[in-house]
Amino acid sequence: MPNLTYNATWDFNPADAVTLNAAFTFDLQDPSDNQTVSGVLTTLQGRTPHVTLTQTDNATISVVVTI
């Protein structure tokens, strides 16, 4: 699976909800893929996401979601 990094900046209000969305598109023509897309979905649905939050400086919070 890929490691993806995206950044967002906003004037945070503690009442704000934070939503993380990710979409993955698979190359269905890649002969080296050893699992169907439905198989990947089933595998990921069986995992528990882990969220790590760190404050990297006084203006930045890093959010890492691992599935």
Protein backbone atom coordinates (compact mmCIF):
# COMPACT_ATOMS: atom_id res chain seq x y z
CA MET A 1 0.00 0.00 0.00
CA PRO A 2 1.19 3.53 -0.64
CA ASN A 3 2.32 6.08 1.88
CA LEU A 4 0.47 9.31 1.13
CA THR A 5 1.10 12.74 2.61
CA TYR A 6 -1.24 15.71 2.28
CA ASN A 7 -1.30 18.99 4.14
CA ALA A 8 -4.18 21.26 5.12
CA THR A 9 -4.10 24.64 6.81
CA TRP A 10 -6.95 26.48 8.48
CA ASP A 11 -7.74 28.71 11.43
CA PHE A 12 -8.78 25.95 13.80
CA ASN A 13 -11.73 26.39 16.12
CA PRO A 14 -12.01 23.70 18.84
CA ALA A 15 -15.64 23.16 17.79
CA ASP A 16 -14.55 22.30 14.23
CA ALA A 17 -14.92 18.70 13.12
CA VAL A 18 -11.90 17.24 11.35
CA THR A 19 -12.62 14.68 8.64
CA LEU A 20 -9.96 12.66 6.83
CA ASN A 21 -10.93 11.07 3.52
CA ALA A 22 -8.81 8.87 1.29
CA ALA A 23 -9.60 7.17 -2.00
CA PHE A 24 -7.41 4.58 -3.68
CA THR A 25 -7.64 3.59 -7.33
CA PHE A 26 -6.13 0.27 -8.30
CA ASP A 27 -4.58 -0.61 -11.63
CA LEU A 28 -6.74 -3.56 -12.67
CA GLN A 29 -4.40 -4.36 -15.56
CA ASP A 30 -1.29 -4.83 -13.41
CA PRO A 31 -0.28 -8.50 -13.64
CA SER A 32 1.76 -8.27 -10.44
CA ASP A 33 -1.31 -7.54 -8.30
CA ASN A 34 -1.98 -10.64 -6.25
CA GLN A 35 -5.35 -9.64 -4.81
CA THR A 36 -8.59 -8.36 -6.33
CA VAL A 37 -9.95 -4.95 -5.32
CA SER A 38 -12.76 -6.66 -3.41
CA GLY A 39 -10.11 -8.71 -1.59
CA VAL A 40 -8.26 -5.54 -0.60
CA LEU A 41 -11.52 -4.00 0.63
CA THR A 42 -12.26 -7.06 2.76
CA THR A 43 -8.74 -7.03 4.17
CA LEU A 44 -8.87 -3.33 5.09
CA GLN A 45 -12.37 -3.62 6.59
CA GLY A 46 -10.99 -6.26 8.96
CA ARG A 47 -8.33 -3.94 10.34
CA THR A 48 -8.62 -1.37 13.12
CA PRO A 49 -7.36 2.08 12.10
CA HIS A 50 -4.70 3.56 14.37
CA VAL A 51 -4.49 7.35 14.72
CA THR A 52 -1.33 9.07 15.93
CA LEU A 53 -1.38 12.79 16.77
CA THR A 54 1.80 14.76 17.43
CA GLN A 55 2.52 18.44 17.78
CA THR A 56 5.60 19.05 15.64
CA ASP A 57 5.87 22.76 16.52
CA ASN A 58 3.62 25.35 18.16
CA ALA A 59 1.63 25.82 14.92
CA THR A 60 1.53 22.29 13.50
CA ILE A 61 -0.24 19.08 14.44
CA SER A 62 0.60 15.93 12.52
CA VAL A 63 -2.15 13.32 12.10
CA VAL A 64 -1.13 9.86 10.92
CA VAL A 65 -3.77 7.23 10.18
CA THR A 66 -2.53 3.68 9.74
CA ILE A 67 -4.82 0.89 8.57
